[in-house]
N, C-alpha and C. Protein backbone atom coordinates (compact mmCIF):
# COMPACT_ATOMS: atom_id res chain seq x y z
N MET A 1 35.74 -62.55 -32.57
CA MET A 1 34.39 -61.98 -32.58
C MET A 1 33.52 -62.59 -31.49
N LEU A 2 33.77 -63.77 -31.14
CA LEU A 2 32.97 -64.48 -30.16
C LEU A 2 32.94 -63.80 -28.79
N PRO A 3 34.04 -63.26 -28.27
CA PRO A 3 33.96 -62.64 -26.94
C PRO A 3 33.17 -61.33 -26.94
N TYR A 4 32.99 -60.73 -28.11
CA TYR A 4 32.27 -59.46 -28.18
C TYR A 4 30.76 -59.62 -28.40
N ALA A 5 30.31 -60.79 -28.66
CA ALA A 5 28.89 -61.05 -28.93
C ALA A 5 27.99 -60.61 -27.78
N PRO A 6 28.33 -60.85 -26.52
CA PRO A 6 27.46 -60.38 -25.44
C PRO A 6 27.37 -58.86 -25.35
N LEU A 7 28.33 -58.15 -25.89
CA LEU A 7 28.30 -56.68 -25.87
C LEU A 7 27.55 -56.10 -27.06
N VAL A 8 27.59 -56.80 -28.17
CA VAL A 8 26.95 -56.30 -29.39
C VAL A 8 25.43 -56.37 -29.26
N THR A 9 24.91 -57.43 -28.71
CA THR A 9 23.46 -57.61 -28.61
C THR A 9 22.79 -56.50 -27.80
N PRO A 10 23.28 -56.17 -26.59
CA PRO A 10 22.64 -55.07 -25.86
C PRO A 10 22.84 -53.71 -26.55
N SER A 11 23.97 -53.54 -27.20
CA SER A 11 24.22 -52.28 -27.91
C SER A 11 23.20 -52.08 -29.03
N VAL A 12 22.96 -53.12 -29.80
CA VAL A 12 21.99 -53.06 -30.89
C VAL A 12 20.59 -52.81 -30.32
N ALA A 13 20.28 -53.47 -29.21
CA ALA A 13 18.97 -53.28 -28.59
C ALA A 13 18.80 -51.84 -28.09
N MET A 14 19.84 -51.25 -27.53
CA MET A 14 19.76 -49.87 -27.04
C MET A 14 19.60 -48.89 -28.19
N VAL A 15 20.32 -49.10 -29.29
CA VAL A 15 20.17 -48.23 -30.47
C VAL A 15 18.75 -48.36 -31.03
N ALA A 16 18.24 -49.57 -31.12
CA ALA A 16 16.88 -49.78 -31.62
C ALA A 16 15.87 -49.11 -30.69
N GLY A 17 16.07 -49.20 -29.39
CA GLY A 17 15.17 -48.54 -28.44
C GLY A 17 15.21 -47.03 -28.60
N GLY A 18 16.40 -46.47 -28.79
CA GLY A 18 16.52 -45.02 -29.01
C GLY A 18 15.80 -44.57 -30.27
N ILE A 19 15.95 -45.35 -31.32
CA ILE A 19 15.27 -45.03 -32.58
C ILE A 19 13.75 -45.11 -32.40
N ALA A 20 13.28 -46.10 -31.66
CA ALA A 20 11.84 -46.25 -31.42
C ALA A 20 11.29 -45.07 -30.62
N ILE A 21 12.02 -44.66 -29.59
CA ILE A 21 11.57 -43.51 -28.78
C ILE A 21 11.53 -42.25 -29.62
N TYR A 22 12.55 -42.02 -30.44
CA TYR A 22 12.57 -40.84 -31.31
C TYR A 22 11.41 -40.89 -32.30
N SER A 23 11.14 -42.07 -32.85
CA SER A 23 10.04 -42.22 -33.81
C SER A 23 8.70 -41.91 -33.16
N ILE A 24 8.50 -42.36 -31.93
CA ILE A 24 7.25 -42.07 -31.22
C ILE A 24 7.12 -40.57 -30.99
N HIS A 25 8.19 -39.92 -30.61
CA HIS A 25 8.17 -38.47 -30.36
C HIS A 25 7.80 -37.70 -31.63
N VAL A 26 8.42 -38.05 -32.75
CA VAL A 26 8.13 -37.37 -34.01
C VAL A 26 6.69 -37.62 -34.45
N THR A 27 6.22 -38.84 -34.30
CA THR A 27 4.85 -39.18 -34.69
C THR A 27 3.84 -38.40 -33.86
N ARG A 28 4.07 -38.28 -32.55
CA ARG A 28 3.17 -37.51 -31.69
C ARG A 28 3.15 -36.04 -32.08
N SER A 29 4.32 -35.51 -32.39
CA SER A 29 4.41 -34.10 -32.78
C SER A 29 3.64 -33.84 -34.07
N ILE A 30 3.82 -34.69 -35.04
CA ILE A 30 3.11 -34.53 -36.32
C ILE A 30 1.61 -34.71 -36.12
N ALA A 31 1.21 -35.69 -35.33
CA ALA A 31 -0.22 -35.92 -35.09
C ALA A 31 -0.85 -34.72 -34.39
N ARG A 32 -0.15 -34.12 -33.46
CA ARG A 32 -0.68 -32.96 -32.74
C ARG A 32 -0.87 -31.78 -33.70
N LYS A 33 0.09 -31.55 -34.57
CA LYS A 33 -0.03 -30.45 -35.53
C LYS A 33 -1.14 -30.72 -36.55
N ARG A 34 -1.25 -31.95 -36.98
CA ARG A 34 -2.31 -32.31 -37.92
C ARG A 34 -3.69 -32.14 -37.29
N ALA A 35 -3.82 -32.51 -36.03
CA ALA A 35 -5.10 -32.36 -35.34
C ALA A 35 -5.47 -30.88 -35.21
N THR A 36 -4.49 -30.04 -34.96
CA THR A 36 -4.75 -28.61 -34.86
C THR A 36 -5.23 -28.05 -36.20
N ILE A 37 -4.57 -28.44 -37.26
CA ILE A 37 -4.98 -27.97 -38.60
C ILE A 37 -6.39 -28.49 -38.92
N ASP A 38 -6.66 -29.73 -38.61
CA ASP A 38 -8.00 -30.29 -38.83
C ASP A 38 -9.05 -29.53 -38.03
N PHE A 39 -8.71 -29.15 -36.81
CA PHE A 39 -9.64 -28.38 -35.97
C PHE A 39 -9.99 -27.06 -36.62
N PHE A 40 -8.96 -26.34 -37.11
CA PHE A 40 -9.23 -25.05 -37.74
C PHE A 40 -10.00 -25.20 -39.04
N LEU A 41 -9.70 -26.24 -39.82
CA LEU A 41 -10.46 -26.46 -41.05
C LEU A 41 -11.91 -26.80 -40.76
N LYS A 42 -12.14 -27.58 -39.71
CA LYS A 42 -13.52 -27.94 -39.34
C LYS A 42 -14.29 -26.70 -38.89
N THR A 43 -13.64 -25.82 -38.13
CA THR A 43 -14.33 -24.62 -37.68
C THR A 43 -14.62 -23.68 -38.84
N GLU A 44 -13.75 -23.67 -39.84
CA GLU A 44 -13.99 -22.82 -41.01
C GLU A 44 -15.14 -23.35 -41.86
N ALA A 45 -15.40 -24.64 -41.79
CA ALA A 45 -16.47 -25.23 -42.59
C ALA A 45 -17.84 -25.10 -41.94
N ASP A 46 -17.88 -24.84 -40.65
CA ASP A 46 -19.14 -24.72 -39.92
C ASP A 46 -19.72 -23.33 -40.16
N SER A 47 -20.95 -23.27 -40.67
CA SER A 47 -21.54 -21.98 -41.07
C SER A 47 -21.78 -21.06 -39.88
N SER A 48 -22.17 -21.61 -38.74
CA SER A 48 -22.41 -20.74 -37.58
C SER A 48 -21.12 -20.11 -37.08
N ILE A 49 -20.03 -20.85 -37.14
CA ILE A 49 -18.75 -20.29 -36.69
C ILE A 49 -18.23 -19.28 -37.71
N VAL A 50 -18.47 -19.52 -38.99
CA VAL A 50 -18.07 -18.54 -40.01
C VAL A 50 -18.79 -17.22 -39.77
N LYS A 51 -20.09 -17.28 -39.47
CA LYS A 51 -20.84 -16.05 -39.18
C LYS A 51 -20.31 -15.36 -37.93
N LEU A 52 -19.92 -16.16 -36.94
CA LEU A 52 -19.36 -15.62 -35.71
C LEU A 52 -18.07 -14.86 -35.98
N PHE A 53 -17.19 -15.44 -36.79
CA PHE A 53 -15.92 -14.78 -37.10
C PHE A 53 -16.11 -13.57 -38.02
N GLN A 54 -17.16 -13.57 -38.84
CA GLN A 54 -17.41 -12.42 -39.71
C GLN A 54 -17.81 -11.19 -38.90
N THR A 55 -18.47 -11.39 -37.79
CA THR A 55 -18.87 -10.25 -36.96
C THR A 55 -17.84 -9.90 -35.90
N PHE A 56 -16.77 -10.67 -35.82
CA PHE A 56 -15.76 -10.49 -34.79
C PHE A 56 -15.16 -9.09 -34.79
N ASP A 57 -14.71 -8.61 -35.95
CA ASP A 57 -14.05 -7.30 -36.03
C ASP A 57 -14.97 -6.17 -35.57
N GLU A 58 -16.23 -6.21 -36.01
CA GLU A 58 -17.18 -5.17 -35.60
C GLU A 58 -17.42 -5.21 -34.09
N HIS A 59 -17.51 -6.39 -33.55
CA HIS A 59 -17.80 -6.52 -32.13
C HIS A 59 -16.60 -6.14 -31.26
N VAL A 60 -15.39 -6.35 -31.78
CA VAL A 60 -14.21 -5.91 -31.05
C VAL A 60 -14.22 -4.38 -30.92
N VAL A 61 -14.61 -3.70 -31.99
CA VAL A 61 -14.68 -2.24 -31.95
C VAL A 61 -15.72 -1.79 -30.93
N VAL A 62 -16.87 -2.47 -30.89
CA VAL A 62 -17.92 -2.11 -29.93
C VAL A 62 -17.44 -2.32 -28.49
N VAL A 63 -16.82 -3.46 -28.23
CA VAL A 63 -16.33 -3.75 -26.88
C VAL A 63 -15.24 -2.77 -26.49
N SER A 64 -14.37 -2.45 -27.42
CA SER A 64 -13.31 -1.46 -27.15
C SER A 64 -13.92 -0.10 -26.82
N GLY A 65 -14.98 0.27 -27.52
CA GLY A 65 -15.68 1.52 -27.24
C GLY A 65 -16.31 1.53 -25.86
N LEU A 66 -16.87 0.39 -25.46
CA LEU A 66 -17.45 0.29 -24.12
C LEU A 66 -16.38 0.44 -23.04
N ILE A 67 -15.23 -0.13 -23.30
CA ILE A 67 -14.13 0.01 -22.35
C ILE A 67 -13.68 1.47 -22.26
N ASP A 68 -13.57 2.12 -23.43
CA ASP A 68 -13.16 3.53 -23.46
C ASP A 68 -14.18 4.44 -22.77
N GLN A 69 -15.45 4.05 -22.80
CA GLN A 69 -16.49 4.84 -22.15
C GLN A 69 -16.47 4.68 -20.63
N GLY A 70 -15.69 3.74 -20.13
CA GLY A 70 -15.59 3.54 -18.69
C GLY A 70 -16.65 2.62 -18.12
N LYS A 71 -17.25 1.81 -18.97
CA LYS A 71 -18.26 0.86 -18.48
C LYS A 71 -17.60 -0.17 -17.56
N THR A 72 -18.36 -0.68 -16.63
CA THR A 72 -17.82 -1.69 -15.72
C THR A 72 -17.76 -3.04 -16.43
N LEU A 73 -16.94 -3.92 -15.89
CA LEU A 73 -16.81 -5.25 -16.48
C LEU A 73 -18.13 -5.99 -16.45
N ARG A 74 -18.88 -5.83 -15.41
CA ARG A 74 -20.19 -6.50 -15.28
C ARG A 74 -21.12 -6.06 -16.41
N GLU A 75 -21.08 -4.77 -16.79
CA GLU A 75 -21.93 -4.28 -17.89
C GLU A 75 -21.44 -4.79 -19.23
N ILE A 76 -20.13 -4.84 -19.40
CA ILE A 76 -19.57 -5.27 -20.69
C ILE A 76 -19.82 -6.76 -20.93
N VAL A 77 -19.68 -7.56 -19.90
CA VAL A 77 -19.83 -9.02 -20.04
C VAL A 77 -21.23 -9.42 -20.46
N THR A 78 -22.22 -8.62 -20.16
CA THR A 78 -23.59 -8.98 -20.49
C THR A 78 -23.97 -8.66 -21.94
N THR A 79 -23.12 -7.96 -22.67
CA THR A 79 -23.45 -7.59 -24.05
C THR A 79 -23.22 -8.77 -24.99
N THR A 80 -23.98 -8.81 -26.08
CA THR A 80 -23.80 -9.87 -27.07
C THR A 80 -22.48 -9.71 -27.82
N GLU A 81 -22.01 -8.47 -27.95
CA GLU A 81 -20.74 -8.24 -28.63
C GLU A 81 -19.59 -8.88 -27.86
N TYR A 82 -19.61 -8.71 -26.55
CA TYR A 82 -18.57 -9.33 -25.73
C TYR A 82 -18.61 -10.85 -25.84
N LYS A 83 -19.81 -11.40 -25.85
CA LYS A 83 -19.95 -12.86 -25.93
C LYS A 83 -19.41 -13.39 -27.26
N THR A 84 -19.59 -12.63 -28.33
CA THR A 84 -19.04 -13.02 -29.63
C THR A 84 -17.52 -13.00 -29.59
N VAL A 85 -16.96 -11.92 -29.08
CA VAL A 85 -15.50 -11.80 -29.00
C VAL A 85 -14.94 -12.91 -28.11
N HIS A 86 -15.57 -13.16 -27.00
CA HIS A 86 -15.13 -14.19 -26.07
C HIS A 86 -15.15 -15.57 -26.72
N ALA A 87 -16.20 -15.88 -27.44
CA ALA A 87 -16.32 -17.19 -28.11
C ALA A 87 -15.24 -17.37 -29.17
N CYS A 88 -14.99 -16.33 -29.96
CA CYS A 88 -13.98 -16.43 -31.01
C CYS A 88 -12.59 -16.64 -30.42
N LEU A 89 -12.27 -15.88 -29.38
CA LEU A 89 -10.96 -16.02 -28.76
C LEU A 89 -10.79 -17.37 -28.09
N ASN A 90 -11.86 -17.92 -27.52
CA ASN A 90 -11.77 -19.26 -26.93
C ASN A 90 -11.51 -20.33 -27.98
N ILE A 91 -12.13 -20.20 -29.12
CA ILE A 91 -11.91 -21.17 -30.20
C ILE A 91 -10.47 -21.13 -30.65
N LEU A 92 -9.93 -19.94 -30.83
CA LEU A 92 -8.54 -19.81 -31.27
C LEU A 92 -7.57 -20.27 -30.20
N GLU A 93 -7.86 -20.00 -28.95
CA GLU A 93 -6.96 -20.38 -27.86
C GLU A 93 -6.83 -21.89 -27.75
N VAL A 94 -7.90 -22.60 -27.93
CA VAL A 94 -7.86 -24.07 -27.85
C VAL A 94 -6.93 -24.61 -28.92
N GLY A 95 -7.06 -24.10 -30.13
CA GLY A 95 -6.21 -24.57 -31.22
C GLY A 95 -4.75 -24.25 -31.02
N ILE A 96 -4.45 -23.08 -30.50
CA ILE A 96 -3.06 -22.68 -30.31
C ILE A 96 -2.42 -23.45 -29.16
N ARG A 97 -3.14 -23.68 -28.09
CA ARG A 97 -2.56 -24.42 -26.98
C ARG A 97 -2.23 -25.85 -27.36
N ARG A 98 -2.98 -26.40 -28.28
CA ARG A 98 -2.74 -27.80 -28.68
C ARG A 98 -1.59 -27.92 -29.68
N LEU A 99 -1.21 -26.80 -30.29
CA LEU A 99 -0.13 -26.83 -31.27
C LEU A 99 1.17 -26.97 -30.57
């Protein structure tokens, strides 16, 4: 057993290092998913954002109608309906990109 001792020590260290790297990867993945869920729960608890999302469906219909009418992008962007839709989609995009 004595001649193998110099080989066993680095082998054990390499296995321990591999386990540590895997553990860090799993912990980061779980933390990222937890942060995303926390973000969505926080936005659901905020009353102004809840009101924003409640009007989202109606405003999407209005913006879609403006597009169907042939309005220019410059005209559509200035409407409050577009700003509501834009804000809601930005909130959702941030959460999804972080997941």
